[in-house]
Amino acid sequence: MTTKMMMAALGAVALVGMSGMAMAQRDPAYAAARAAGQVGEQPDGYLGIVGSATPELRALVNNINIQRKAAYTQKAQASGATVEQMAFTSGCNLIAQTASGEKYKTPEGTWKTRTGAPPERASACV
């Protein structure tokens, strides 16, 4: 199986599980931090803090990332992929799903604000 085919298969598996996980993360504190540009999606599939953070924001992000890693681990075991492959594929999808005005990290490591244009993603994203 080629790398692109593997990434496409992982993407399909990730999309099925990501919608429920994303909905669970839309609590008021998360939604407020996201809308304020304090947090953003990263290529590695985890939520990142943009700039400085309060202890409460760090705790929120850590909790969400723990939930994500558990989901990635479960999906990786079910699909035969590694946790890192599943997290990367999910990161591709989560960045693609950001709305205009939300933050995301480019493959080069720069935080950007999503515009109406497609976000910058790794070339391996399908």
Protein backbone atom coordinates (compact mmCIF):
# COMPACT_ATOMS: atom_id res chain seq x y z
CA MET A 1 0.00 0.00 0.00
CA THR A 2 1.42 3.40 -0.94
CA THR A 3 1.83 6.20 1.58
CA LYS A 4 -0.93 8.27 -0.06
CA MET A 5 -3.34 5.32 0.04
CA MET A 6 -2.48 4.69 3.70
CA MET A 7 -3.03 8.36 4.54
CA ALA A 8 -6.38 8.35 2.73
CA ALA A 9 -7.50 5.25 4.63
CA LEU A 10 -6.38 6.75 7.94
CA GLY A 11 -8.18 9.97 7.05
CA ALA A 12 -11.43 8.13 6.53
CA VAL A 13 -11.10 6.39 9.88
CA ALA A 14 -10.15 9.65 11.59
CA LEU A 15 -13.09 11.58 10.13
CA VAL A 16 -15.58 9.05 11.45
CA GLY A 17 -14.36 9.46 15.01
CA MET A 18 -13.37 13.11 14.98
CA SER A 19 -16.87 14.55 14.71
CA GLY A 20 -17.95 13.16 18.09
CA MET A 21 -14.67 14.11 19.74
CA ALA A 22 -14.83 17.63 18.31
CA MET A 23 -18.38 18.08 19.58
CA ALA A 24 -17.32 17.04 23.08
CA GLN A 25 -14.58 19.67 22.99
CA ARG A 26 -16.98 22.51 22.23
CA ASP A 27 -17.65 23.35 25.86
CA PRO A 28 -18.00 27.08 26.61
CA ALA A 29 -14.40 27.55 27.85
CA TYR A 30 -12.98 25.77 24.81
CA ALA A 31 -15.24 27.65 22.41
CA ALA A 32 -14.30 30.98 24.03
CA ALA A 33 -10.56 30.23 23.89
CA ARG A 34 -10.83 29.14 20.26
CA ALA A 35 -12.86 32.23 19.29
CA ALA A 36 -10.37 34.49 21.10
CA GLY A 37 -7.44 32.94 19.21
CA GLN A 38 -5.87 31.59 22.40
CA VAL A 39 -5.79 28.02 21.08
CA GLY A 40 -5.42 26.48 17.66
CA GLU A 41 -5.06 23.24 15.77
CA GLN A 42 -1.59 21.82 15.14
CA PRO A 43 -0.33 19.48 12.40
CA ASP A 44 0.42 16.81 15.01
CA GLY A 45 -3.29 16.44 15.80
CA TYR A 46 -3.17 18.16 19.16
CA LEU A 47 -4.52 21.48 20.34
CA GLY A 48 -1.90 24.16 20.94
CA ILE A 49 -1.75 27.34 22.97
CA VAL A 50 -1.16 30.51 20.98
CA GLY A 51 0.93 32.92 23.06
CA SER A 52 0.87 32.95 26.85
CA ALA A 53 -1.65 31.00 28.88
CA THR A 54 -3.32 31.01 32.23
CA PRO A 55 -3.18 27.85 34.35
CA GLU A 56 -6.86 27.28 33.52
CA LEU A 57 -6.19 27.44 29.78
CA ARG A 58 -3.25 25.04 30.12
CA ALA A 59 -5.46 22.63 32.07
CA LEU A 60 -8.19 22.85 29.40
CA VAL A 61 -5.74 22.19 26.56
CA ASN A 62 -4.05 19.34 28.44
CA ASN A 63 -7.42 17.70 29.12
CA ILE A 64 -8.48 17.95 25.48
CA ASN A 65 -5.12 16.58 24.31
CA ILE A 66 -5.39 13.64 26.73
CA GLN A 67 -8.82 12.86 25.25
CA ARG A 68 -7.44 13.15 21.73
CA LYS A 69 -4.49 10.86 22.44
CA ALA A 70 -6.86 8.24 23.89
CA ALA A 71 -9.04 8.46 20.78
CA TYR A 72 -6.02 8.28 18.46
CA THR A 73 -4.69 5.26 20.36
CA GLN A 74 -8.02 3.45 20.09
CA LYS A 75 -8.40 4.23 16.40
CA ALA A 76 -4.78 3.30 15.67
CA GLN A 77 -5.22 -0.10 17.30
CA ALA A 78 -8.40 -0.69 15.31
CA SER A 79 -6.84 0.31 11.98
CA GLY A 80 -3.32 -1.07 12.35
CA ALA A 81 -1.78 2.39 12.16
CA THR A 82 0.52 4.00 14.68
CA VAL A 83 -0.75 6.60 17.13
CA GLU A 84 1.47 9.18 15.42
CA GLN A 85 0.03 8.37 11.98
CA MET A 86 -3.50 8.66 13.33
CA ALA A 87 -2.70 11.93 15.13
CA PHE A 88 -1.09 13.41 11.99
CA THR A 89 -4.03 12.44 9.80
CA SER A 90 -6.43 13.87 12.35
CA GLY A 91 -4.34 17.05 12.48
CA CYS A 92 -4.70 17.39 8.71
CA ASN A 93 -8.46 17.05 9.01
CA LEU A 94 -8.84 19.31 12.05
CA ILE A 95 -6.85 22.09 10.36
CA ALA A 96 -8.97 21.69 7.21
CA GLN A 97 -12.11 22.02 9.37
CA THR A 98 -11.06 25.28 11.05
CA ALA A 99 -13.40 28.18 10.44
CA SER A 100 -12.43 31.63 9.24
CA GLY A 101 -10.87 33.53 12.13
CA GLU A 102 -9.62 30.44 13.97
CA LYS A 103 -5.93 29.74 14.58
CA TYR A 104 -3.90 26.86 13.18
CA LYS A 105 -0.22 26.05 12.98
CA THR A 106 1.41 25.69 9.57
CA PRO A 107 3.77 22.81 8.78
CA GLU A 108 6.64 25.30 9.30
CA GLY A 109 5.45 25.96 12.86
CA THR A 110 3.93 29.43 12.40
CA TRP A 111 0.54 30.27 13.90
CA LYS A 112 -1.85 31.65 11.29
CA THR A 113 -5.43 32.85 11.37
CA ARG A 114 -7.69 31.03 8.95
CA THR A 115 -9.12 33.17 6.19
CA GLY A 116 -11.58 32.19 3.49
CA ALA A 117 -8.71 30.51 1.66
CA PRO A 118 -7.70 26.90 2.36
CA PRO A 119 -5.27 26.59 5.28
CA GLU A 120 -1.62 25.70 4.77
CA ARG A 121 -1.21 21.99 5.47
CA ALA A 122 1.55 19.43 5.09
CA SER A 123 1.99 18.04 1.58
CA ALA A 124 1.20 14.56 2.94
CA CYS A 125 -2.34 15.65 3.89
CA VAL A 126 -4.94 14.22 1.54
